Amino acid sequence: MPIYAVTGASGQLGRLAVEQLLARGIPAPDVVALVRTPSKAADLAERGVQVRAADYAQPQTLSGALAGVDRLLLISSSEAGQRFAHHSNVIQAATTAGVSRIVYTSMLDAENSTNPLAGEHRATEQALRGAGVDYTVLRNGWYTETTPTSSASICPPRRSSARPAPARSQQPPDWNTPRPPRPHCCRTRQATGRTSSAAPPSI
């Protein structure tokens, strides 16, 4: 049975990813929650999840935290201007630890976007391509939870190319499926939502 690790596991998306893994029947001891402050994930530890201290900005914490991990969900750092350095630390530690697959939460249309945040995501995707491990890039859209509306239906702008915004629960943990055979081991997905946030999550 593979060992799964989630970075930022005490945050909103990270905690949701851990919960989805457990809901899919992954045994709690086979799930590793990587957090800066283990006390914030004490409830997960009580349920049998392995909680390990890991800080993107402190590389010395990462190799040990990733020991024995097979598949890693790398949730993007929240510190603009430091993201690429943080992600590089994790990717290097993951390859050293022998992680076989990394799933990374990038941003929508990262290769073409003029958003000032896109550059660090592009650089991270490039680092993954050169890391020598299987990877999946999830180019996530803007989450509906961060939009200024309480409506159950999210309407995208009136443009033919507009994509509906996803909820965090619609981000699929694309890592607990069997690894595809090479050369199809590495792929990029534009992860958008549905026209209604009331739709069931895509898992």
N, C-alpha and C. Protein backbone atom coordinates (compact mmCIF):
# COMPACT_ATOMS: atom_id res chain seq x y z
N MET A 1 0.84 -1.20 0.00
CA MET A 1 0.00 0.00 0.00
C MET A 1 0.88 1.25 0.00
N PRO A 2 0.66 2.17 -0.96
CA PRO A 2 1.47 3.40 -0.99
C PRO A 2 1.23 4.25 0.24
N ILE A 3 2.24 5.06 0.57
CA ILE A 3 2.11 6.05 1.63
C ILE A 3 1.90 7.41 0.96
N TYR A 4 0.84 8.09 1.38
CA TYR A 4 0.46 9.38 0.79
C TYR A 4 0.79 10.50 1.76
N ALA A 5 1.34 11.60 1.25
CA ALA A 5 1.63 12.76 2.09
C ALA A 5 0.99 14.00 1.49
N VAL A 6 0.52 14.87 2.37
CA VAL A 6 -0.11 16.13 1.97
C VAL A 6 0.62 17.26 2.66
N THR A 7 1.16 18.21 1.89
CA THR A 7 1.75 19.38 2.52
C THR A 7 0.65 20.36 2.90
N GLY A 8 0.96 21.24 3.84
CA GLY A 8 -0.04 22.23 4.26
C GLY A 8 -1.31 21.58 4.76
N ALA A 9 -1.17 20.46 5.47
CA ALA A 9 -2.33 19.65 5.82
C ALA A 9 -3.21 20.25 6.90
N SER A 10 -2.75 21.33 7.53
CA SER A 10 -3.61 22.00 8.50
C SER A 10 -4.38 23.16 7.86
N GLY A 11 -4.13 23.42 6.57
CA GLY A 11 -4.85 24.46 5.85
C GLY A 11 -6.15 23.93 5.27
N GLN A 12 -6.87 24.79 4.58
CA GLN A 12 -8.20 24.40 4.09
C GLN A 12 -8.13 23.30 3.03
N LEU A 13 -7.34 23.51 1.98
CA LEU A 13 -7.25 22.52 0.92
C LEU A 13 -6.52 21.27 1.40
N GLY A 14 -5.44 21.45 2.16
CA GLY A 14 -4.69 20.30 2.65
C GLY A 14 -5.51 19.40 3.54
N ARG A 15 -6.26 19.99 4.44
CA ARG A 15 -7.10 19.19 5.34
C ARG A 15 -8.18 18.46 4.53
N LEU A 16 -8.74 19.13 3.54
CA LEU A 16 -9.75 18.50 2.71
C LEU A 16 -9.16 17.30 1.96
N ALA A 17 -7.92 17.45 1.46
CA ALA A 17 -7.27 16.35 0.75
C ALA A 17 -7.08 15.14 1.67
N VAL A 18 -6.65 15.39 2.91
CA VAL A 18 -6.49 14.30 3.87
C VAL A 18 -7.84 13.62 4.12
N GLU A 19 -8.88 14.42 4.29
CA GLU A 19 -10.20 13.85 4.54
C GLU A 19 -10.68 13.01 3.37
N GLN A 20 -10.39 13.44 2.15
CA GLN A 20 -10.81 12.68 0.97
C GLN A 20 -10.05 11.36 0.87
N LEU A 21 -8.78 11.38 1.20
CA LEU A 21 -8.02 10.13 1.20
C LEU A 21 -8.61 9.13 2.19
N LEU A 22 -8.91 9.61 3.38
CA LEU A 22 -9.50 8.73 4.40
C LEU A 22 -10.87 8.23 3.95
N ALA A 23 -11.65 9.11 3.32
CA ALA A 23 -12.97 8.72 2.85
C ALA A 23 -12.90 7.68 1.75
N ARG A 24 -11.80 7.66 1.02
CA ARG A 24 -11.61 6.67 -0.05
C ARG A 24 -11.12 5.33 0.47
N GLY A 25 -10.93 5.25 1.76
CA GLY A 25 -10.52 3.98 2.35
C GLY A 25 -9.04 3.81 2.55
N ILE A 26 -8.26 4.87 2.34
CA ILE A 26 -6.83 4.78 2.62
C ILE A 26 -6.67 4.68 4.14
N PRO A 27 -5.98 3.66 4.65
CA PRO A 27 -5.80 3.55 6.10
C PRO A 27 -5.09 4.78 6.66
N ALA A 28 -5.55 5.25 7.80
CA ALA A 28 -4.98 6.45 8.40
C ALA A 28 -3.47 6.37 8.58
N PRO A 29 -2.90 5.24 8.97
CA PRO A 29 -1.43 5.19 9.13
C PRO A 29 -0.67 5.34 7.81
N ASP A 30 -1.38 5.19 6.68
CA ASP A 30 -0.75 5.35 5.37
C ASP A 30 -0.88 6.77 4.84
N VAL A 31 -1.41 7.67 5.66
CA VAL A 31 -1.56 9.08 5.28
C VAL A 31 -0.66 9.92 6.18
N VAL A 32 0.15 10.78 5.55
CA VAL A 32 1.07 11.65 6.29
C VAL A 32 0.63 13.09 6.11
N ALA A 33 0.33 13.76 7.21
CA ALA A 33 -0.02 15.18 7.19
C ALA A 33 1.21 15.99 7.52
N LEU A 34 1.67 16.77 6.55
CA LEU A 34 2.87 17.60 6.73
C LEU A 34 2.44 19.01 7.10
N VAL A 35 2.87 19.47 8.25
CA VAL A 35 2.43 20.77 8.78
C VAL A 35 3.60 21.49 9.44
N ARG A 36 3.52 22.80 9.48
CA ARG A 36 4.55 23.55 10.20
C ARG A 36 4.38 23.41 11.71
N THR A 37 3.12 23.36 12.13
CA THR A 37 2.82 23.29 13.56
C THR A 37 1.99 22.04 13.85
N PRO A 38 2.62 20.95 14.28
CA PRO A 38 1.89 19.69 14.47
C PRO A 38 0.68 19.81 15.39
N SER A 39 0.70 20.70 16.35
CA SER A 39 -0.44 20.82 17.26
C SER A 39 -1.72 21.23 16.54
N LYS A 40 -1.57 21.87 15.36
CA LYS A 40 -2.75 22.28 14.61
C LYS A 40 -3.41 21.10 13.91
N ALA A 41 -2.73 19.97 13.87
CA ALA A 41 -3.29 18.76 13.26
C ALA A 41 -3.45 17.65 14.29
N ALA A 42 -3.59 18.04 15.56
CA ALA A 42 -3.71 17.04 16.63
C ALA A 42 -4.91 16.14 16.43
N ASP A 43 -5.99 16.69 15.89
CA ASP A 43 -7.19 15.87 15.66
C ASP A 43 -6.94 14.78 14.63
N LEU A 44 -6.10 15.07 13.63
CA LEU A 44 -5.75 14.06 12.64
C LEU A 44 -4.88 12.97 13.27
N ALA A 45 -3.96 13.37 14.11
CA ALA A 45 -3.11 12.40 14.80
C ALA A 45 -3.95 11.47 15.67
N GLU A 46 -4.99 12.01 16.29
CA GLU A 46 -5.86 11.19 17.13
C GLU A 46 -6.60 10.14 16.32
N ARG A 47 -6.76 10.39 15.03
CA ARG A 47 -7.45 9.45 14.14
C ARG A 47 -6.48 8.47 13.49
N GLY A 48 -5.19 8.56 13.83
CA GLY A 48 -4.21 7.62 13.33
C GLY A 48 -3.37 8.11 12.17
N VAL A 49 -3.65 9.34 11.69
CA VAL A 49 -2.85 9.91 10.61
C VAL A 49 -1.46 10.26 11.16
N GLN A 50 -0.43 10.01 10.35
CA GLN A 50 0.92 10.42 10.74
C GLN A 50 1.05 11.93 10.56
N VAL A 51 1.32 12.65 11.62
CA VAL A 51 1.52 14.10 11.54
C VAL A 51 3.01 14.38 11.72
N ARG A 52 3.60 15.04 10.71
CA ARG A 52 5.03 15.31 10.73
C ARG A 52 5.29 16.80 10.50
N ALA A 53 6.26 17.32 11.22
CA ALA A 53 6.63 18.73 11.07
C ALA A 53 7.41 18.92 9.77
N ALA A 54 6.98 19.90 8.98
CA ALA A 54 7.66 20.20 7.72
C ALA A 54 7.41 21.66 7.38
N ASP A 55 8.48 22.38 7.08
CA ASP A 55 8.37 23.81 6.76
C ASP A 55 9.04 24.04 5.42
N TYR A 56 8.27 24.57 4.45
CA TYR A 56 8.83 24.85 3.13
C TYR A 56 10.12 25.65 3.20
N ALA A 57 10.19 26.57 4.14
CA ALA A 57 11.33 27.49 4.21
C ALA A 57 12.52 26.92 4.98
N GLN A 58 12.35 25.72 5.54
CA GLN A 58 13.43 25.09 6.30
C GLN A 58 13.71 23.70 5.71
N PRO A 59 14.58 23.64 4.71
CA PRO A 59 14.83 22.38 4.00
C PRO A 59 15.23 21.24 4.92
N GLN A 60 15.88 21.55 6.03
CA GLN A 60 16.33 20.49 6.93
C GLN A 60 15.16 19.73 7.56
N THR A 61 13.96 20.30 7.50
CA THR A 61 12.79 19.60 8.07
C THR A 61 12.12 18.67 7.06
N LEU A 62 12.50 18.79 5.79
CA LEU A 62 11.70 18.14 4.75
C LEU A 62 12.10 16.70 4.45
N SER A 63 13.38 16.42 4.39
CA SER A 63 13.81 15.06 4.02
C SER A 63 13.28 14.02 5.00
N GLY A 64 13.43 14.27 6.28
CA GLY A 64 12.91 13.33 7.26
C GLY A 64 11.41 13.22 7.23
N ALA A 65 10.74 14.36 6.99
CA ALA A 65 9.28 14.36 6.95
C ALA A 65 8.75 13.53 5.78
N LEU A 66 9.54 13.44 4.71
CA LEU A 66 9.10 12.72 3.51
C LEU A 66 9.62 11.28 3.46
N ALA A 67 10.31 10.85 4.47
CA ALA A 67 10.85 9.48 4.48
C ALA A 67 9.72 8.46 4.37
N GLY A 68 9.87 7.54 3.43
CA GLY A 68 8.89 6.48 3.26
C GLY A 68 7.67 6.85 2.45
N VAL A 69 7.57 8.11 2.01
CA VAL A 69 6.40 8.57 1.25
C VAL A 69 6.53 8.14 -0.21
N ASP A 70 5.43 7.65 -0.76
CA ASP A 70 5.39 7.26 -2.18
C ASP A 70 4.78 8.35 -3.05
N ARG A 71 3.69 8.94 -2.59
CA ARG A 71 2.97 9.93 -3.39
C ARG A 71 2.74 11.19 -2.55
N LEU A 72 3.01 12.32 -3.17
CA LEU A 72 3.01 13.58 -2.44
C LEU A 72 2.11 14.59 -3.13
N LEU A 73 1.22 15.20 -2.36
CA LEU A 73 0.46 16.34 -2.83
C LEU A 73 1.17 17.60 -2.33
N LEU A 74 1.74 18.35 -3.25
CA LEU A 74 2.44 19.59 -2.94
C LEU A 74 1.48 20.75 -3.17
N ILE A 75 0.94 21.26 -2.08
CA ILE A 75 0.03 22.41 -2.16
C ILE A 75 0.87 23.68 -2.19
N SER A 76 0.55 24.53 -3.14
CA SER A 76 1.34 25.73 -3.36
C SER A 76 1.49 26.56 -2.09
N SER A 77 2.70 27.07 -1.90
CA SER A 77 2.98 27.97 -0.80
C SER A 77 2.11 29.22 -0.91
N SER A 78 1.78 29.81 0.21
CA SER A 78 0.95 31.01 0.23
C SER A 78 1.77 32.29 0.23
N GLU A 79 3.10 32.17 0.22
CA GLU A 79 3.96 33.35 0.32
C GLU A 79 4.45 33.78 -1.06
N ALA A 80 3.77 34.75 -1.64
CA ALA A 80 4.16 35.27 -2.94
C ALA A 80 5.58 35.81 -2.89
N GLY A 81 6.34 35.50 -3.92
CA GLY A 81 7.74 35.89 -3.97
C GLY A 81 8.68 34.85 -3.39
N GLN A 82 8.13 33.94 -2.60
CA GLN A 82 8.92 32.86 -2.01
C GLN A 82 8.47 31.49 -2.49
N ARG A 83 7.41 31.47 -3.30
CA ARG A 83 6.82 30.18 -3.69
C ARG A 83 7.82 29.27 -4.38
N PHE A 84 8.53 29.79 -5.39
CA PHE A 84 9.41 28.91 -6.14
C PHE A 84 10.50 28.34 -5.25
N ALA A 85 11.08 29.16 -4.38
CA ALA A 85 12.11 28.65 -3.47
C ALA A 85 11.52 27.58 -2.55
N HIS A 86 10.34 27.83 -2.04
CA HIS A 86 9.69 26.85 -1.17
C HIS A 86 9.41 25.55 -1.90
N HIS A 87 8.85 25.67 -3.09
CA HIS A 87 8.51 24.47 -3.86
C HIS A 87 9.76 23.69 -4.26
N SER A 88 10.81 24.42 -4.62
CA SER A 88 12.06 23.75 -4.99
C SER A 88 12.61 22.95 -3.82
N ASN A 89 12.50 23.51 -2.62
CA ASN A 89 12.95 22.77 -1.43
C ASN A 89 12.21 21.46 -1.28
N VAL A 90 10.90 21.50 -1.49
CA VAL A 90 10.09 20.29 -1.33
C VAL A 90 10.41 19.28 -2.43
N ILE A 91 10.51 19.75 -3.67
CA ILE A 91 10.78 18.84 -4.79
C ILE A 91 12.13 18.17 -4.62
N GLN A 92 13.15 18.93 -4.22
CA GLN A 92 14.47 18.34 -4.01
C GLN A 92 14.43 17.30 -2.90
N ALA A 93 13.76 17.64 -1.80
CA ALA A 93 13.66 16.69 -0.69
C ALA A 93 12.89 15.45 -1.09
N ALA A 94 11.85 15.63 -1.90
CA ALA A 94 11.03 14.50 -2.33
C ALA A 94 11.83 13.54 -3.21
N THR A 95 12.62 14.09 -4.12
CA THR A 95 13.42 13.21 -4.98
C THR A 95 14.49 12.49 -4.16
N THR A 96 15.07 13.19 -3.20
CA THR A 96 16.07 12.56 -2.33
C THR A 96 15.45 11.44 -1.50
N ALA A 97 14.22 11.65 -1.06
CA ALA A 97 13.54 10.66 -0.22
C ALA A 97 12.97 9.50 -1.02
N GLY A 98 12.99 9.60 -2.35
CA GLY A 98 12.49 8.51 -3.18
C GLY A 98 11.01 8.54 -3.45
N VAL A 99 10.37 9.72 -3.30
CA VAL A 99 8.95 9.86 -3.64
C VAL A 99 8.77 9.54 -5.12
N SER A 100 7.76 8.73 -5.45
CA SER A 100 7.60 8.27 -6.83
C SER A 100 6.67 9.15 -7.66
N ARG A 101 5.83 9.93 -6.99
CA ARG A 101 4.88 10.75 -7.74
C ARG A 101 4.55 12.01 -6.94
N ILE A 102 4.56 13.15 -7.63
CA ILE A 102 4.22 14.43 -7.01
C ILE A 102 3.04 15.03 -7.76
N VAL A 103 2.03 15.45 -7.00
CA VAL A 103 0.90 16.20 -7.55
C VAL A 103 1.02 17.62 -7.03
N TYR A 104 1.01 18.59 -7.94
CA TYR A 104 1.24 19.98 -7.57
C TYR A 104 0.05 20.85 -7.92
N THR A 105 -0.37 21.71 -7.00
CA THR A 105 -1.48 22.62 -7.26
C THR A 105 -0.94 23.94 -7.82
N SER A 106 -1.01 24.07 -9.13
CA SER A 106 -0.53 25.25 -9.84
C SER A 106 -1.69 26.23 -10.00
N MET A 107 -1.63 27.10 -11.02
CA MET A 107 -2.73 28.02 -11.27
C MET A 107 -3.19 27.87 -12.72
N LEU A 108 -4.43 28.25 -12.94
CA LEU A 108 -5.05 28.08 -14.25
C LEU A 108 -4.26 28.80 -15.34
N ASP A 109 -4.04 28.09 -16.48
CA ASP A 109 -3.34 28.66 -17.63
C ASP A 109 -1.98 29.25 -17.25
N ALA A 110 -1.27 28.54 -16.38
CA ALA A 110 -0.01 29.09 -15.86
C ALA A 110 0.99 29.42 -16.96
N GLU A 111 0.97 28.66 -18.06
CA GLU A 111 1.99 28.90 -19.09
C GLU A 111 1.72 30.17 -19.89
N ASN A 112 0.46 30.64 -19.91
CA ASN A 112 0.12 31.81 -20.72
C ASN A 112 -0.33 33.01 -19.90
N SER A 113 -0.63 32.80 -18.65
CA SER A 113 -1.23 33.85 -17.84
C SER A 113 -0.29 35.03 -17.64
N THR A 114 -0.87 36.23 -17.66
CA THR A 114 -0.12 37.44 -17.35
C THR A 114 -0.27 37.83 -15.88
N ASN A 115 -0.96 37.02 -15.13
CA ASN A 115 -1.09 37.25 -13.69
C ASN A 115 0.30 37.30 -13.07
N PRO A 116 0.60 38.29 -12.24
CA PRO A 116 1.95 38.38 -11.66
C PRO A 116 2.33 37.18 -10.80
N LEU A 117 1.36 36.38 -10.40
CA LEU A 117 1.65 35.20 -9.59
C LEU A 117 2.02 33.99 -10.45
N ALA A 118 1.81 34.09 -11.75
CA ALA A 118 1.98 32.92 -12.62
C ALA A 118 3.43 32.48 -12.76
N GLY A 119 4.36 33.42 -12.70
CA GLY A 119 5.75 33.09 -12.96
C GLY A 119 6.30 32.02 -12.04
N GLU A 120 5.97 32.10 -10.76
CA GLU A 120 6.48 31.11 -9.81
C GLU A 120 5.87 29.74 -10.05
N HIS A 121 4.62 29.73 -10.51
CA HIS A 121 4.00 28.45 -10.84
C HIS A 121 4.64 27.84 -12.08
N ARG A 122 4.90 28.67 -13.10
CA ARG A 122 5.58 28.17 -14.29
C ARG A 122 6.94 27.59 -13.93
N ALA A 123 7.67 28.29 -13.09
CA ALA A 123 9.00 27.83 -12.69
C ALA A 123 8.91 26.51 -11.92
N THR A 124 7.90 26.38 -11.08
CA THR A 124 7.72 25.13 -10.34
C THR A 124 7.40 23.99 -11.28
N GLU A 125 6.53 24.23 -12.25
CA GLU A 125 6.20 23.19 -13.23
C GLU A 125 7.46 22.75 -13.99
N GLN A 126 8.30 23.71 -14.34
CA GLN A 126 9.56 23.38 -15.02
C GLN A 126 10.45 22.53 -14.12
N ALA A 127 10.50 22.87 -12.84
CA ALA A 127 11.31 22.09 -11.90
C ALA A 127 10.79 20.66 -11.80
N LEU A 128 9.49 20.50 -11.83
CA LEU A 128 8.92 19.15 -11.78
C LEU A 128 9.30 18.36 -13.02
N ARG A 129 9.25 19.01 -14.17
CA ARG A 129 9.60 18.31 -15.41
C ARG A 129 11.04 17.82 -15.39
N GLY A 130 11.91 18.52 -14.67
CA GLY A 130 13.30 18.12 -14.61
C GLY A 130 13.67 17.28 -13.40
N ALA A 131 12.67 16.93 -12.58
CA ALA A 131 12.98 16.26 -11.32
C ALA A 131 13.17 14.76 -11.46
N GLY A 132 12.72 14.19 -12.57
CA GLY A 132 12.89 12.75 -12.77
C GLY A 132 11.89 11.89 -12.03
N VAL A 133 10.76 12.47 -11.62
CA VAL A 133 9.71 11.69 -10.96
C VAL A 133 8.41 11.86 -11.75
N ASP A 134 7.49 10.91 -11.58
CA ASP A 134 6.17 11.07 -12.16
C ASP A 134 5.49 12.26 -11.49
N TYR A 135 4.73 13.02 -12.27
CA TYR A 135 4.06 14.16 -11.67
C TYR A 135 2.74 14.43 -12.37
N THR A 136 1.86 15.09 -11.66
CA THR A 136 0.63 15.64 -12.21
C THR A 136 0.54 17.09 -11.75
N VAL A 137 0.31 18.00 -12.68
CA VAL A 137 0.10 19.40 -12.35
C VAL A 137 -1.39 19.68 -12.43
N LEU A 138 -1.97 20.14 -11.33
CA LEU A 138 -3.37 20.55 -11.31
C LEU A 138 -3.41 22.07 -11.38
N ARG A 139 -3.79 22.59 -12.53
CA ARG A 139 -3.86 24.04 -12.68
C ARG A 139 -5.23 24.50 -12.19
N ASN A 140 -5.29 24.79 -10.92
CA ASN A 140 -6.54 25.10 -10.26
C ASN A 140 -7.02 26.50 -10.59
N GLY A 141 -8.34 26.64 -10.72
CA GLY A 141 -8.95 27.95 -10.88
C GLY A 141 -9.15 28.62 -9.53
N TRP A 142 -9.73 29.80 -9.58
CA TRP A 142 -10.05 30.56 -8.36
C TRP A 142 -11.16 29.84 -7.62
N TYR A 143 -10.97 29.54 -6.35
CA TYR A 143 -11.96 28.78 -5.61
C TYR A 143 -13.20 29.61 -5.34
N THR A 144 -14.37 28.97 -5.43
CA THR A 144 -15.62 29.70 -5.20
C THR A 144 -15.69 30.25 -3.78
N GLU A 145 -15.00 29.58 -2.83
CA GLU A 145 -15.06 30.06 -1.45
C GLU A 145 -14.40 31.43 -1.28
N THR A 146 -13.56 31.81 -2.25
CA THR A 146 -12.87 33.10 -2.14
C THR A 146 -13.56 34.19 -2.95
N THR A 147 -14.69 33.87 -3.61
CA THR A 147 -15.40 34.88 -4.39
C THR A 147 -16.39 35.61 -3.50
N PRO A 148 -16.65 36.89 -3.76
CA PRO A 148 -17.55 37.67 -2.90
C PRO A 148 -19.01 37.42 -3.21
N THR A 149 -19.48 36.20 -2.96
CA THR A 149 -20.87 35.86 -3.20
C THR A 149 -21.27 34.73 -2.30
N SER A 150 -22.54 34.69 -1.95
CA SER A 150 -23.06 33.58 -1.16
C SER A 150 -24.01 32.74 -1.97
N SER A 151 -24.13 33.06 -3.27
CA SER A 151 -25.05 32.32 -4.12
C SER A 151 -24.59 30.89 -4.30
N ALA A 152 -25.56 29.99 -4.43
CA ALA A 152 -25.22 28.59 -4.65
C ALA A 152 -24.81 28.35 -6.08
N SER A 153 -25.11 29.29 -6.98
CA SER A 153 -24.76 29.13 -8.38
C SER A 153 -23.77 30.22 -8.76
N ILE A 154 -22.62 29.82 -9.24
CA ILE A 154 -21.58 30.76 -9.63
C ILE A 154 -21.61 30.92 -11.14
N CYS A 155 -21.85 32.14 -11.60
CA CYS A 155 -21.94 32.38 -13.04
C CYS A 155 -20.63 32.99 -13.52
N PRO A 156 -19.97 32.35 -14.47
CA PRO A 156 -18.72 32.90 -14.99
C PRO A 156 -18.99 34.12 -15.85
N PRO A 157 -17.96 34.94 -16.12
CA PRO A 157 -18.13 36.09 -17.01
C PRO A 157 -18.64 35.66 -18.37
N ARG A 158 -19.30 36.56 -19.08
CA ARG A 158 -19.89 36.22 -20.37
C ARG A 158 -18.84 36.24 -21.46
N ARG A 159 -18.01 35.25 -21.42
CA ARG A 159 -16.98 35.05 -22.44
C ARG A 159 -17.01 33.60 -22.83
N SER A 160 -16.85 33.31 -24.10
CA SER A 160 -16.93 31.93 -24.55
C SER A 160 -15.82 31.07 -23.97
N SER A 161 -14.70 31.72 -23.57
CA SER A 161 -13.57 30.96 -23.03
C SER A 161 -13.59 30.88 -21.51
N ALA A 162 -14.61 31.47 -20.87
CA ALA A 162 -14.64 31.49 -19.41
C ALA A 162 -14.83 30.10 -18.84
N ARG A 163 -14.15 29.84 -17.73
CA ARG A 163 -14.28 28.56 -17.06
C ARG A 163 -14.92 28.79 -15.71
N PRO A 164 -15.87 27.93 -15.29
CA PRO A 164 -16.47 28.11 -13.97
C PRO A 164 -15.45 27.88 -12.87
N ALA A 165 -15.62 28.61 -11.78
CA ALA A 165 -14.70 28.48 -10.65
C ALA A 165 -15.02 27.21 -9.88
N PRO A 166 -13.99 26.50 -9.40
CA PRO A 166 -14.22 25.29 -8.61
C PRO A 166 -14.30 25.59 -7.13
N ALA A 167 -14.96 24.71 -6.41
CA ALA A 167 -14.82 24.70 -4.96
C ALA A 167 -13.58 23.89 -4.61
N ARG A 168 -13.04 24.08 -3.41
CA ARG A 168 -11.87 23.28 -3.02
C ARG A 168 -12.19 21.80 -3.08
N SER A 169 -13.45 21.44 -2.74
CA SER A 169 -13.83 20.02 -2.72
C SER A 169 -13.88 19.42 -4.11
N GLN A 170 -13.80 20.27 -5.17
CA GLN A 170 -13.82 19.76 -6.54
C GLN A 170 -12.42 19.51 -7.08
N GLN A 171 -11.39 19.72 -6.27
CA GLN A 171 -10.04 19.45 -6.71
C GLN A 171 -9.75 17.97 -6.49
N PRO A 172 -9.61 17.18 -7.54
CA PRO A 172 -9.45 15.75 -7.38
C PRO A 172 -8.08 15.36 -6.86
N PRO A 173 -8.01 14.50 -5.84
CA PRO A 173 -6.70 13.98 -5.42
C PRO A 173 -6.21 12.99 -6.46
N ASP A 174 -5.55 13.48 -7.49
CA ASP A 174 -5.24 12.70 -8.69
C ASP A 174 -4.00 11.84 -8.48
N TRP A 175 -3.90 11.22 -7.35
CA TRP A 175 -2.67 10.53 -6.99
C TRP A 175 -2.93 9.13 -6.48
N ASN A 176 -4.16 8.82 -6.07
CA ASN A 176 -4.42 7.47 -5.56
C ASN A 176 -5.09 6.61 -6.60
N THR A 177 -4.82 6.95 -7.88
CA THR A 177 -5.16 6.08 -8.99
C THR A 177 -3.88 5.40 -9.44
N PRO A 178 -3.98 4.25 -10.09
CA PRO A 178 -2.74 3.58 -10.51
C PRO A 178 -1.91 4.47 -11.42
N ARG A 179 -0.61 4.43 -11.23
CA ARG A 179 0.27 5.25 -12.05
C ARG A 179 0.18 4.81 -13.50
N PRO A 180 -0.06 5.75 -14.44
CA PRO A 180 -0.10 5.37 -15.84
C PRO A 180 1.28 4.96 -16.33
N PRO A 181 1.34 4.08 -17.31
CA PRO A 181 2.64 3.65 -17.80
C PRO A 181 3.37 4.77 -18.52
N ARG A 182 4.68 4.79 -18.41
CA ARG A 182 5.47 5.75 -19.19
C ARG A 182 5.24 5.46 -20.67
N PRO A 183 5.22 6.46 -21.58
CA PRO A 183 5.62 7.84 -21.34
C PRO A 183 4.48 8.76 -20.92
N HIS A 184 3.34 8.20 -20.47
CA HIS A 184 2.20 9.03 -20.10
C HIS A 184 2.17 9.28 -18.59
N CYS A 185 3.34 9.28 -17.96
CA CYS A 185 3.41 9.38 -16.51
C CYS A 185 3.24 10.81 -16.03
N CYS A 186 3.46 11.75 -16.89
CA CYS A 186 3.51 13.14 -16.45
C CYS A 186 2.50 13.95 -17.24
N ARG A 187 1.59 14.61 -16.53
CA ARG A 187 0.53 15.31 -17.22
C ARG A 187 0.11 16.56 -16.48
N THR A 188 -0.62 17.40 -17.22
CA THR A 188 -1.12 18.66 -16.68
C THR A 188 -2.62 18.71 -16.89
N ARG A 189 -3.34 19.10 -15.85
CA ARG A 189 -4.80 19.19 -15.94
C ARG A 189 -5.24 20.59 -15.56
N GLN A 190 -6.13 21.17 -16.38
CA GLN A 190 -6.77 22.43 -16.02
C GLN A 190 -7.94 22.07 -15.13
N ALA A 191 -7.83 22.39 -13.84
CA ALA A 191 -8.83 21.96 -12.86
C ALA A 191 -9.80 23.09 -12.58
N THR A 192 -10.95 23.03 -13.28
CA THR A 192 -11.99 24.03 -13.08
C THR A 192 -13.21 23.38 -12.46
N GLY A 193 -14.18 24.18 -12.14
CA GLY A 193 -15.38 23.65 -11.49
C GLY A 193 -16.51 23.45 -12.46
N ARG A 194 -17.70 23.36 -11.91
CA ARG A 194 -18.91 23.23 -12.71
C ARG A 194 -19.64 24.56 -12.71
N THR A 195 -20.72 24.63 -13.46
CA THR A 195 -21.48 25.87 -13.52
C THR A 195 -22.24 26.11 -12.22
N SER A 196 -22.34 25.11 -11.36
CA SER A 196 -22.99 25.28 -10.07
C SER A 196 -22.15 24.68 -8.99
N SER A 197 -21.94 25.42 -7.91
CA SER A 197 -21.15 24.90 -6.82
C SER A 197 -21.91 23.85 -6.03
N ALA A 198 -23.22 23.67 -6.34
CA ALA A 198 -24.02 22.67 -5.65
C ALA A 198 -23.83 21.27 -6.23
N ALA A 199 -23.08 21.18 -7.34
CA ALA A 199 -22.85 19.88 -7.97
C ALA A 199 -21.96 19.03 -7.07
N PRO A 200 -22.08 17.69 -7.18
CA PRO A 200 -21.26 16.83 -6.34
C PRO A 200 -19.80 16.96 -6.68
N PRO A 201 -18.91 16.79 -5.69
CA PRO A 201 -17.49 16.94 -5.94
C PRO A 201 -16.98 15.94 -6.97
N SER A 202 -15.99 16.37 -7.74
CA SER A 202 -15.30 15.47 -8.67
C SER A 202 -14.11 14.89 -7.96
N ILE A 203 -14.10 13.58 -7.81
CA ILE A 203 -13.03 12.92 -7.04
C ILE A 203 -12.27 11.97 -7.93
